[in-house]
Amino acid sequence: MEQPEFIKWLITLGVGGVLAGFMFVFYRKDIKQYTELWKITADQLMSIVKENTASNTKLIGLIESAERNTLRKTDIDLMIERKIIERSLRETVIKQEQKDTVQHGP
């Protein structure tokens, strides 16, 4: 549309039509701004969720690794305790045999 024709058409609408036109234009601008803000917020939220997911995945890996190491440490502790008990029993048996040998002779 050419400028003069647009102005003539706008005049035919009257004051109410002009006000409605302005309201429509401002409404569209407002919706555009809101939509842009919403897109920015959604993008920020998505990046936060991705970062959280990555850090949670790393944390789960660390916890599982620590748990495996804890189990290994427990197993090692049990083996050491078993060795100590076996050695103690062996020493007790050897002492008992020595006592028996001394008391009964060779």
PDB file of N, CA and C in Angstrom:
ATOM      1  N   MET A   1       0.834  -1.187   0.000  1.00  0.00           N
ATOM      2  CA  MET A   1       0.000   0.000   0.000  1.00  0.00           C
ATOM      3  C   MET A   1       0.873   1.243   0.000  1.00  0.00           C
ATOM      4  N   GLU A   2       0.406   2.215  -0.700  1.00  0.00           N
ATOM      5  CA  GLU A   2       1.118   3.484  -0.689  1.00  0.00           C
ATOM      6  C   GLU A   2       0.726   4.263   0.555  1.00  0.00           C
ATOM      7  N   GLN A   3       1.564   5.155   0.962  1.00  0.00           N
ATOM      8  CA  GLN A   3       1.343   5.948   2.172  1.00  0.00           C
ATOM      9  C   GLN A   3       0.028   6.729   2.147  1.00  0.00           C
ATOM     10  N   PRO A   4      -0.273   7.527   1.087  1.00  0.00           N
ATOM     11  CA  PRO A   4      -1.519   8.315   1.106  1.00  0.00           C
ATOM     12  C   PRO A   4      -2.766   7.435   1.163  1.00  0.00           C
ATOM     13  N   GLU A   5      -2.752   6.306   0.482  1.00  0.00           N
ATOM     14  CA  GLU A   5      -3.923   5.428   0.499  1.00  0.00           C
ATOM     15  C   GLU A   5      -4.115   4.817   1.888  1.00  0.00           C
ATOM     16  N   PHE A   6      -3.008   4.491   2.516  1.00  0.00           N
ATOM     17  CA  PHE A   6      -3.079   3.904   3.863  1.00  0.00           C
ATOM     18  C   PHE A   6      -3.673   4.924   4.840  1.00  0.00           C
ATOM     19  N   ILE A   7      -3.236   6.170   4.729  1.00  0.00           N
ATOM     20  CA  ILE A   7      -3.757   7.223   5.625  1.00  0.00           C
ATOM     21  C   ILE A   7      -5.244   7.437   5.368  1.00  0.00           C
ATOM     22  N   LYS A   8      -5.663   7.428   4.100  1.00  0.00           N
ATOM     23  CA  LYS A   8      -7.100   7.585   3.781  1.00  0.00           C
ATOM     24  C   LYS A   8      -7.898   6.431   4.393  1.00  0.00           C
ATOM     25  N   TRP A   9      -7.374   5.235   4.241  1.00  0.00           N
ATOM     26  CA  TRP A   9      -8.064   4.064   4.785  1.00  0.00           C
ATOM     27  C   TRP A   9      -8.141   4.152   6.311  1.00  0.00           C
ATOM     28  N   LEU A  10      -7.046   4.603   6.954  1.00  0.00           N
ATOM     29  CA  LEU A  10      -7.010   4.739   8.398  1.00  0.00           C
ATOM     30  C   LEU A  10      -8.021   5.774   8.880  1.00  0.00           C
ATOM     31  N   ILE A  11      -8.182   6.868   8.120  1.00  0.00           N
ATOM     32  CA  ILE A  11      -9.146   7.908   8.498  1.00  0.00           C
ATOM     33  C   ILE A  11     -10.568   7.361   8.433  1.00  0.00           C
ATOM     34  N   THR A  12     -10.841   6.486   7.489  1.00  0.00           N
ATOM     35  CA  THR A  12     -12.195   5.941   7.357  1.00  0.00           C
ATOM     36  C   THR A  12     -12.557   5.056   8.548  1.00  0.00           C
ATOM     37  N   LEU A  13     -11.558   4.542   9.249  1.00  0.00           N
ATOM     38  CA  LEU A  13     -11.837   3.685  10.396  1.00  0.00           C
ATOM     39  C   LEU A  13     -12.311   4.488  11.602  1.00  0.00           C
ATOM     40  N   GLY A  14     -11.942   5.717  11.647  1.00  0.00           N
ATOM     41  CA  GLY A  14     -12.349   6.549  12.767  1.00  0.00           C
ATOM     42  C   GLY A  14     -11.378   6.377  13.932  1.00  0.00           C
ATOM     43  N   VAL A  15     -11.689   7.050  15.030  1.00  0.00           N
ATOM     44  CA  VAL A  15     -10.831   7.035  16.202  1.00  0.00           C
ATOM     45  C   VAL A  15     -10.752   5.626  16.798  1.00  0.00           C
ATOM     46  N   GLY A  16     -11.881   4.939  16.861  1.00  0.00           N
ATOM     47  CA  GLY A  16     -11.906   3.586  17.422  1.00  0.00           C
ATOM     48  C   GLY A  16     -11.058   2.633  16.609  1.00  0.00           C
ATOM     49  N   GLY A  17     -11.131   2.750  15.315  1.00  0.00           N
ATOM     50  CA  GLY A  17     -10.335   1.887  14.432  1.00  0.00           C
ATOM     51  C   GLY A  17      -8.844   2.150  14.592  1.00  0.00           C
ATOM     52  N   VAL A  18      -8.500   3.448  14.703  1.00  0.00           N
ATOM     53  CA  VAL A  18      -7.093   3.806  14.876  1.00  0.00           C
ATOM     54  C   VAL A  18      -6.582   3.263  16.213  1.00  0.00           C
ATOM     55  N   LEU A  19      -7.380   3.441  17.280  1.00  0.00           N
ATOM     56  CA  LEU A  19      -6.986   2.912  18.592  1.00  0.00           C
ATOM     57  C   LEU A  19      -6.851   1.389  18.547  1.00  0.00           C
ATOM     58  N   ALA A  20      -7.788   0.732  17.881  1.00  0.00           N
ATOM     59  CA  ALA A  20      -7.716  -0.726  17.767  1.00  0.00           C
ATOM     60  C   ALA A  20      -6.465  -1.133  16.996  1.00  0.00           C
ATOM     61  N   GLY A  21      -6.128  -0.390  15.953  1.00  0.00           N
ATOM     62  CA  GLY A  21      -4.918  -0.677  15.174  1.00  0.00           C
ATOM     63  C   GLY A  21      -3.669  -0.557  16.035  1.00  0.00           C
ATOM     64  N   PHE A  22      -3.596   0.535  16.811  1.00  0.00           N
ATOM     65  CA  PHE A  22      -2.445   0.722  17.688  1.00  0.00           C
ATOM     66  C   PHE A  22      -2.370  -0.389  18.739  1.00  0.00           C
ATOM     67  N   MET A  23      -3.529  -0.734  19.297  1.00  0.00           N
ATOM     68  CA  MET A  23      -3.540  -1.806  20.300  1.00  0.00           C
ATOM     69  C   MET A  23      -3.047  -3.115  19.689  1.00  0.00           C
ATOM     70  N   PHE A  24      -3.474  -3.388  18.463  1.00  0.00           N
ATOM     71  CA  PHE A  24      -3.049  -4.607  17.799  1.00  0.00           C
ATOM     72  C   PHE A  24      -1.536  -4.601  17.570  1.00  0.00           C
ATOM     73  N   VAL A  25      -1.013  -3.460  17.105  1.00  0.00           N
ATOM     74  CA  VAL A  25       0.430  -3.355  16.842  1.00  0.00           C
ATOM     75  C   VAL A  25       1.215  -3.556  18.136  1.00  0.00           C
ATOM     76  N   PHE A  26       0.804  -2.902  19.221  1.00  0.00           N
ATOM     77  CA  PHE A  26       1.514  -3.029  20.487  1.00  0.00           C
ATOM     78  C   PHE A  26       1.354  -4.434  21.076  1.00  0.00           C
ATOM     79  N   TYR A  27       0.190  -5.021  20.877  1.00  0.00           N
ATOM     80  CA  TYR A  27      -0.029  -6.389  21.344  1.00  0.00           C
ATOM     81  C   TYR A  27       0.936  -7.333  20.641  1.00  0.00           C
ATOM     82  N   ARG A  28       1.078  -7.168  19.323  1.00  0.00           N
ATOM     83  CA  ARG A  28       1.986  -8.021  18.551  1.00  0.00           C
ATOM     84  C   ARG A  28       3.433  -7.837  19.013  1.00  0.00           C
ATOM     85  N   LYS A  29       3.810  -6.589  19.277  1.00  0.00           N
ATOM     86  CA  LYS A  29       5.171  -6.344  19.765  1.00  0.00           C
ATOM     87  C   LYS A  29       5.383  -7.015  21.125  1.00  0.00           C
ATOM     88  N   ASP A  30       4.373  -6.896  21.989  1.00  0.00           N
ATOM     89  CA  ASP A  30       4.465  -7.490  23.319  1.00  0.00           C
ATOM     90  C   ASP A  30       4.593  -9.014  23.226  1.00  0.00           C
ATOM     91  N   ILE A  31       3.786  -9.613  22.377  1.00  0.00           N
ATOM     92  CA  ILE A  31       3.835 -11.066  22.197  1.00  0.00           C
ATOM     93  C   ILE A  31       5.194 -11.484  21.642  1.00  0.00           C
ATOM     94  N   LYS A  32       5.723 -10.694  20.703  1.00  0.00           N
ATOM     95  CA  LYS A  32       7.040 -11.007  20.144  1.00  0.00           C
ATOM     96  C   LYS A  32       8.116 -10.965  21.226  1.00  0.00           C
ATOM     97  N   GLN A  33       8.083  -9.932  22.053  1.00  0.00           N
ATOM     98  CA  GLN A  33       9.060  -9.812  23.136  1.00  0.00           C
ATOM     99  C   GLN A  33       8.914 -10.977  24.123  1.00  0.00           C
ATOM    100  N   TYR A  34       7.682 -11.292  24.480  1.00  0.00           N
ATOM    101  CA  TYR A  34       7.438 -12.388  25.410  1.00  0.00           C
ATOM    102  C   TYR A  34       7.948 -13.705  24.833  1.00  0.00           C
ATOM    103  N   THR A  35       7.692 -13.923  23.552  1.00  0.00           N
ATOM    104  CA  THR A  35       8.134 -15.150  22.893  1.00  0.00           C
ATOM    105  C   THR A  35       9.664 -15.236  22.888  1.00  0.00           C
ATOM    106  N   GLU A  36      10.312 -14.132  22.597  1.00  0.00           N
ATOM    107  CA  GLU A  36      11.778 -14.115  22.609  1.00  0.00           C
ATOM    108  C   GLU A  36      12.312 -14.404  24.010  1.00  0.00           C
ATOM    109  N   LEU A  37      11.710 -13.767  25.018  1.00  0.00           N
ATOM    110  CA  LEU A  37      12.134 -14.012  26.400  1.00  0.00           C
ATOM    111  C   LEU A  37      11.918 -15.472  26.776  1.00  0.00           C
ATOM    112  N   TRP A  38      10.786 -16.022  26.352  1.00  0.00           N
ATOM    113  CA  TRP A  38      10.484 -17.412  26.649  1.00  0.00           C
ATOM    114  C   TRP A  38      11.510 -18.339  26.000  1.00  0.00           C
ATOM    115  N   LYS A  39      11.885 -18.047  24.749  1.00  0.00           N
ATOM    116  CA  LYS A  39      12.890 -18.866  24.059  1.00  0.00           C
ATOM    117  C   LYS A  39      14.224 -18.791  24.777  1.00  0.00           C
ATOM    118  N   ILE A  40      14.623 -17.589  25.201  1.00  0.00           N
ATOM    119  CA  ILE A  40      15.887 -17.425  25.915  1.00  0.00           C
ATOM    120  C   ILE A  40      15.852 -18.200  27.227  1.00  0.00           C
ATOM    121  N   THR A  41      14.739 -18.073  27.954  1.00  0.00           N
ATOM    122  CA  THR A  41      14.600 -18.786  29.225  1.00  0.00           C
ATOM    123  C   THR A  41      14.632 -20.294  29.009  1.00  0.00           C
ATOM    124  N   ALA A  42      13.951 -20.765  27.986  1.00  0.00           N
ATOM    125  CA  ALA A  42      13.934 -22.208  27.685  1.00  0.00           C
ATOM    126  C   ALA A  42      15.336 -22.692  27.330  1.00  0.00           C
ATOM    127  N   ASP A  43      16.080 -21.908  26.544  1.00  0.00           N
ATOM    128  CA  ASP A  43      17.452 -22.292  26.191  1.00  0.00           C
ATOM    129  C   ASP A  43      18.336 -22.345  27.425  1.00  0.00           C
ATOM    130  N   GLN A  44      18.199 -21.343  28.306  1.00  0.00           N
ATOM    131  CA  GLN A  44      18.987 -21.339  29.540  1.00  0.00           C
ATOM    132  C   GLN A  44      18.649 -22.550  30.405  1.00  0.00           C
ATOM    133  N   LEU A  45      17.356 -22.847  30.523  1.00  0.00           N
ATOM    134  CA  LEU A  45      16.925 -23.996  31.313  1.00  0.00           C
ATOM    135  C   LEU A  45      17.468 -25.294  30.724  1.00  0.00           C
ATOM    136  N   MET A  46      17.450 -25.416  29.398  1.00  0.00           N
ATOM    137  CA  MET A  46      17.978 -26.614  28.747  1.00  0.00           C
ATOM    138  C   MET A  46      19.462 -26.778  29.021  1.00  0.00           C
ATOM    139  N   SER A  47      20.205 -25.678  28.957  1.00  0.00           N
ATOM    140  CA  SER A  47      21.646 -25.778  29.220  1.00  0.00           C
ATOM    141  C   SER A  47      21.900 -26.163  30.676  1.00  0.00           C
ATOM    142  N   ILE A  48      21.099 -25.642  31.593  1.00  0.00           N
ATOM    143  CA  ILE A  48      21.243 -26.010  33.013  1.00  0.00           C
ATOM    144  C   ILE A  48      20.947 -27.493  33.198  1.00  0.00           C
ATOM    145  N   VAL A  49      19.898 -27.973  32.560  1.00  0.00           N
ATOM    146  CA  VAL A  49      19.542 -29.396  32.678  1.00  0.00           C
ATOM    147  C   VAL A  49      20.654 -30.270  32.105  1.00  0.00           C
ATOM    148  N   LYS A  50      21.231 -29.869  30.968  1.00  0.00           N
ATOM    149  CA  LYS A  50      22.325 -30.649  30.369  1.00  0.00           C
ATOM    150  C   LYS A  50      23.542 -30.664  31.288  1.00  0.00           C
ATOM    151  N   GLU A  51      23.884 -29.500  31.853  1.00  0.00           N
ATOM    152  CA  GLU A  51      25.023 -29.436  32.776  1.00  0.00           C
ATOM    153  C   GLU A  51      24.767 -30.301  34.008  1.00  0.00           C
ATOM    154  N   ASN A  52      23.547 -30.229  34.533  1.00  0.00           N
ATOM    155  CA  ASN A  52      23.180 -31.038  35.700  1.00  0.00           C
ATOM    156  C   ASN A  52      23.279 -32.522  35.386  1.00  0.00           C
ATOM    157  N   THR A  53      22.787 -32.902  34.228  1.00  0.00           N
ATOM    158  CA  THR A  53      22.836 -34.308  33.835  1.00  0.00           C
ATOM    159  C   THR A  53      24.282 -34.783  33.731  1.00  0.00           C
ATOM    160  N   ALA A  54      25.124 -33.957  33.125  1.00  0.00           N
ATOM    161  CA  ALA A  54      26.538 -34.333  32.992  1.00  0.00           C
ATOM    162  C   ALA A  54      27.200 -34.460  34.363  1.00  0.00           C
ATOM    163  N   SER A  55      26.940 -33.503  35.245  1.00  0.00           N
ATOM    164  CA  SER A  55      27.570 -33.572  36.569  1.00  0.00           C
ATOM    165  C   SER A  55      27.011 -34.736  37.382  1.00  0.00           C
ATOM    166  N   ASN A  56      25.716 -35.032  37.247  1.00  0.00           N
ATOM    167  CA  ASN A  56      25.133 -36.185  37.952  1.00  0.00           C
ATOM    168  C   ASN A  56      25.743 -37.488  37.452  1.00  0.00           C
ATOM    169  N   THR A  57      25.965 -37.584  36.141  1.00  0.00           N
ATOM    170  CA  THR A  57      26.564 -38.784  35.571  1.00  0.00           C
ATOM    171  C   THR A  57      27.978 -38.973  36.115  1.00  0.00           C
ATOM    172  N   LYS A  58      28.757 -37.878  36.173  1.00  0.00           N
ATOM    173  CA  LYS A  58      30.115 -37.963  36.731  1.00  0.00           C
ATOM    174  C   LYS A  58      30.060 -38.364  38.200  1.00  0.00           C
ATOM    175  N   LEU A  59      29.126 -37.793  38.933  1.00  0.00           N
ATOM    176  CA  LEU A  59      28.997 -38.108  40.356  1.00  0.00           C
ATOM    177  C   LEU A  59      28.643 -39.569  40.568  1.00  0.00           C
ATOM    178  N   ILE A  60      27.749 -40.098  39.758  1.00  0.00           N
ATOM    179  CA  ILE A  60      27.379 -41.511  39.859  1.00  0.00           C
ATOM    180  C   ILE A  60      28.604 -42.384  39.603  1.00  0.00           C
ATOM    181  N   GLY A  61      29.403 -42.018  38.584  1.00  0.00           N
ATOM    182  CA  GLY A  61      30.623 -42.768  38.301  1.00  0.00           C
ATOM    183  C   GLY A  61      31.595 -42.739  39.469  1.00  0.00           C
ATOM    184  N   LEU A  62      31.758 -41.573  40.083  1.00  0.00           N
ATOM    185  CA  LEU A  62      32.656 -41.459  41.233  1.00  0.00           C
ATOM    186  C   LEU A  62      32.165 -42.287  42.412  1.00  0.00           C
ATOM    187  N   ILE A  63      30.864 -42.246  42.647  1.00  0.00           N
ATOM    188  CA  ILE A  63      30.301 -43.016  43.759  1.00  0.00           C
ATOM    189  C   ILE A  63      30.488 -44.511  43.519  1.00  0.00           C
ATOM    190  N   GLU A  64      30.219 -44.964  42.289  1.00  0.00           N
ATOM    191  CA  GLU A  64      30.395 -46.385  41.978  1.00  0.00           C
ATOM    192  C   GLU A  64      31.854 -46.796  42.128  1.00  0.00           C
ATOM    193  N   SER A  65      32.764 -45.940  41.672  1.00  0.00           N
ATOM    194  CA  SER A  65      34.190 -46.233  41.806  1.00  0.00           C
ATOM    195  C   SER A  65      34.591 -46.315  43.270  1.00  0.00           C
ATOM    196  N   ALA A  66      34.128 -45.367  44.056  1.00  0.00           N
ATOM    197  CA  ALA A  66      34.440 -45.373  45.490  1.00  0.00           C
ATOM    198  C   ALA A  66      33.852 -46.612  46.155  1.00  0.00           C
ATOM    199  N   GLU A  67      32.660 -46.998  45.724  1.00  0.00           N
ATOM    200  CA  GLU A  67      32.020 -48.182  46.301  1.00  0.00           C
ATOM    201  C   GLU A  67      32.822 -49.442  45.973  1.00  0.00           C
ATOM    202  N   ARG A  68      33.304 -49.529  44.726  1.00  0.00           N
ATOM    203  CA  ARG A  68      34.124 -50.687  44.352  1.00  0.00           C
ATOM    204  C   ARG A  68      35.403 -50.717  45.169  1.00  0.00           C
ATOM    205  N   ASN A  69      36.024 -49.550  45.346  1.00  0.00           N
ATOM    206  CA  ASN A  69      37.250 -49.493  46.144  1.00  0.00           C
ATOM    207  C   ASN A  69      36.979 -49.853  47.591  1.00  0.00           C
ATOM    208  N   THR A  70      35.836 -49.437  48.108  1.00  0.00           N
ATOM    209  CA  THR A  70      35.474 -49.760  49.482  1.00  0.00           C
ATOM    210  C   THR A  70      35.303 -51.265  49.637  1.00  0.00           C
ATOM    211  N   LEU A  71      34.657 -51.877  48.668  1.00  0.00           N
ATOM    212  CA  LEU A  71      34.486 -53.334  48.723  1.00  0.00           C
ATOM    213  C   LEU A  71      35.841 -54.027  48.665  1.00  0.00           C
ATOM    214  N   ARG A  72      36.736 -53.552  47.830  1.00  0.00           N
ATOM    215  CA  ARG A  72      38.059 -54.147  47.748  1.00  0.00           C
ATOM    216  C   ARG A  72      38.790 -53.997  49.075  1.00  0.00           C
ATOM    217  N   LYS A  73      38.680 -52.820  49.662  1.00  0.00           N
ATOM    218  CA  LYS A  73      39.345 -52.580  50.948  1.00  0.00           C
ATOM    219  C   LYS A  73      38.787 -53.527  52.004  1.00  0.00           C
ATOM    220  N   THR A  74      37.486 -53.721  52.006  1.00  0.00           N
ATOM    221  CA  THR A  74      36.871 -54.634  52.953  1.00  0.00           C
ATOM    222  C   THR A  74      37.375 -56.058  52.730  1.00  0.00           C
ATOM    223  N   ASP A  75      37.449 -56.447  51.473  1.00  0.00           N
ATOM    224  CA  ASP A  75      37.961 -57.789  51.169  1.00  0.00           C
ATOM    225  C   ASP A  75      39.401 -57.941  51.647  1.00  0.00           C
ATOM    226  N   ILE A  76      40.209 -56.923  51.430  1.00  0.00           N
ATOM    227  CA  ILE A  76      41.608 -56.966  51.872  1.00  0.00           C
ATOM    228  C   ILE A  76      41.669 -57.061  53.397  1.00  0.00           C
ATOM    229  N   ASP A  77      40.845 -56.271  54.071  1.00  0.00           N
ATOM    230  CA  ASP A  77      40.807 -56.334  55.540  1.00  0.00           C
ATOM    231  C   ASP A  77      40.442 -57.736  56.025  1.00  0.00           C
ATOM    232  N   LEU A  78      39.469 -58.351  55.382  1.00  0.00           N
ATOM    233  CA  LEU A  78      39.068 -59.710  55.765  1.00  0.00           C
ATOM    234  C   LEU A  78      40.207 -60.707  55.531  1.00  0.00           C
ATOM    235  N   MET A  79      40.915 -60.543  54.413  1.00  0.00           N
ATOM    236  CA  MET A  79      42.035 -61.442  54.146  1.00  0.00           C
ATOM    237  C   MET A  79      43.120 -61.288  55.211  1.00  0.00           C
ATOM    238  N   ILE A  80      43.418 -60.074  55.583  1.00  0.00           N
ATOM    239  CA  ILE A  80      44.434 -59.835  56.617  1.00  0.00           C
ATOM    240  C   ILE A  80      44.000 -60.439  57.944  1.00  0.00           C
ATOM    241  N   GLU A  81      42.748 -60.226  58.304  1.00  0.00           N
ATOM    242  CA  GLU A  81      42.239 -60.810  59.556  1.00  0.00           C
ATOM    243  C   GLU A  81      42.333 -62.333  59.518  1.00  0.00           C
ATOM    244  N   ARG A  82      41.990 -62.926  58.386  1.00  0.00           N
ATOM    245  CA  ARG A  82      42.064 -64.371  58.233  1.00  0.00           C
ATOM    246  C   ARG A  82      43.502 -64.863  58.393  1.00  0.00           C
ATOM    247  N   LYS A  83      44.436 -64.135  57.762  1.00  0.00           N
ATOM    248  CA  LYS A  83      45.851 -64.504  57.874  1.00  0.00           C
ATOM    249  C   LYS A  83      46.324 -64.412  59.316  1.00  0.00           C
ATOM    250  N   ILE A  84      45.915 -63.356  60.019  1.00  0.00           N
ATOM    251  CA  ILE A  84      46.306 -63.194  61.423  1.00  0.00           C
ATOM    252  C   ILE A  84      45.757 -64.350  62.257  1.00  0.00           C
ATOM    253  N   ILE A  85      44.514 -64.710  62.033  1.00  0.00           N
ATOM    254  CA  ILE A  85      43.899 -65.818  62.786  1.00  0.00           C
ATOM    255  C   ILE A  85      44.609 -67.125  62.467  1.00  0.00           C
ATOM    256  N   GLU A  86      44.902 -67.361  61.174  1.00  0.00           N
ATOM    257  CA  GLU A  86      45.606 -68.598  60.793  1.00  0.00           C
ATOM    258  C   GLU A  86      46.977 -68.654  61.446  1.00  0.00           C
ATOM    259  N   ARG A  87      47.707 -67.531  61.404  1.00  0.00           N
ATOM    260  CA  ARG A  87      49.039 -67.500  62.010  1.00  0.00           C
ATOM    261  C   ARG A  87      48.953 -67.754  63.518  1.00  0.00           C
ATOM    262  N   SER A  88      47.959 -67.120  64.147  1.00  0.00           N
ATOM    263  CA  SER A  88      47.785 -67.303  65.580  1.00  0.00           C
ATOM    264  C   SER A  88      47.476 -68.765  65.899  1.00  0.00           C
ATOM    265  N   LEU A  89      46.601 -69.396  65.114  1.00  0.00           N
ATOM    266  CA  LEU A  89      46.275 -70.808  65.325  1.00  0.00           C
ATOM    267  C   LEU A  89      47.499 -71.693  65.100  1.00  0.00           C
ATOM    268  N   ARG A  90      48.262 -71.387  64.046  1.00  0.00           N
ATOM    269  CA  ARG A  90      49.467 -72.150  63.762  1.00  0.00           C
ATOM    270  C   ARG A  90      50.453 -72.058  64.928  1.00  0.00           C
ATOM    271  N   GLU A  91      50.639 -70.840  65.428  1.00  0.00           N
ATOM    272  CA  GLU A  91      51.559 -70.657  66.563  1.00  0.00           C
ATOM    273  C   GLU A  91      51.058 -71.409  67.795  1.00  0.00           C
ATOM    274  N   THR A  92      49.750 -71.386  68.014  1.00  0.00           N
ATOM    275  CA  THR A  92      49.169 -72.107  69.145  1.00  0.00           C
ATOM    276  C   THR A  92      49.393 -73.600  68.988  1.00  0.00           C
ATOM    277  N   VAL A  93      49.186 -74.135  67.798  1.00  0.00           N
ATOM    278  CA  VAL A  93      49.383 -75.563  67.542  1.00  0.00           C
ATOM    279  C   VAL A  93      50.852 -75.920  67.737  1.00  0.00           C
ATOM    280  N   ILE A  94      51.764 -75.096  67.216  1.00  0.00           N
ATOM    281  CA  ILE A  94      53.202 -75.362  67.374  1.00  0.00           C
ATOM    282  C   ILE A  94      53.576 -75.341  68.846  1.00  0.00           C
ATOM    283  N   LYS A  95      53.091 -74.388  69.615  1.00  0.00           N
ATOM    284  CA  LYS A  95      53.378 -74.315  71.049  1.00  0.00           C
ATOM    285  C   LYS A  95      52.838 -75.546  71.760  1.00  0.00           C
ATOM    286  N   GLN A  96      51.637 -75.972  71.383  1.00  0.00           N
ATOM    287  CA  GLN A  96      51.029 -77.152  72.002  1.00  0.00           C
ATOM    288  C   GLN A  96      51.853 -78.395  71.685  1.00  0.00           C
ATOM    289  N   GLU A  97      52.310 -78.500  70.437  1.00  0.00           N
ATOM    290  CA  GLU A  97      53.139 -79.649  70.058  1.00  0.00           C
ATOM    291  C   GLU A  97      54.458 -79.642  70.827  1.00  0.00           C
ATOM    292  N   GLN A  98      55.033 -78.447  70.975  1.00  0.00           N
ATOM    293  CA  GLN A  98      56.281 -78.347  71.731  1.00  0.00           C
ATOM    294  C   GLN A  98      56.063 -78.740  73.189  1.00  0.00           C
ATOM    295  N   LYS A  99      54.955 -78.328  73.780  1.00  0.00           N
ATOM    296  CA  LYS A  99      54.623 -78.710  75.155  1.00  0.00           C
ATOM    297  C   LYS A  99      54.482 -80.231  75.276  1.00  0.00           C
ATOM    298  N   ASP A 100      53.761 -80.798  74.297  1.00  0.00           N
ATOM    299  CA  ASP A 100      53.559 -82.242  74.320  1.00  0.00           C
ATOM    300  C   ASP A 100      54.881 -82.991  74.165  1.00  0.00           C
ATOM    301  N   THR A 101      55.762 -82.462  73.298  1.00  0.00           N
ATOM    302  CA  THR A 101      57.054 -83.091  73.087  1.00  0.00           C
ATOM    303  C   THR A 101      57.905 -83.010  74.354  1.00  0.00           C
ATOM    304  N   VAL A 102      57.874 -81.876  75.012  1.00  0.00           N
ATOM    305  CA  VAL A 102      58.649 -81.704  76.250  1.00  0.00           C
ATOM    306  C   VAL A 102      58.089 -82.610  77.337  1.00  0.00           C
ATOM    307  N   GLN A 103      56.788 -82.716  77.432  1.00  0.00           N
ATOM    308  CA  GLN A 103      56.170 -83.541  78.491  1.00  0.00           C
ATOM    309  C   GLN A 103      56.318 -85.029  78.212  1.00  0.00           C
ATOM    310  N   HIS A 104      56.213 -85.466  77.002  1.00  0.00           N
ATOM    311  CA  HIS A 104      56.234 -86.890  76.681  1.00  0.00           C
ATOM    312  C   HIS A 104      57.568 -87.343  76.116  1.00  0.00           C
ATOM    313  N   GLY A 105      58.365 -86.458  75.747  1.00  0.00           N
ATOM    314  CA  GLY A 105      59.648 -86.808  75.170  1.00  0.00           C
ATOM    315  C   GLY A 105      59.516 -87.022  73.666  1.00  0.00           C
ATOM    316  N   PRO A 106      60.691 -87.218  73.004  1.00  0.00           N
ATOM    317  CA  PRO A 106      60.638 -87.371  71.533  1.00  0.00           C
ATOM    318  C   PRO A 106      60.122 -88.676  71.062  1.00  0.00           C
TER     319      PRO A 106
END
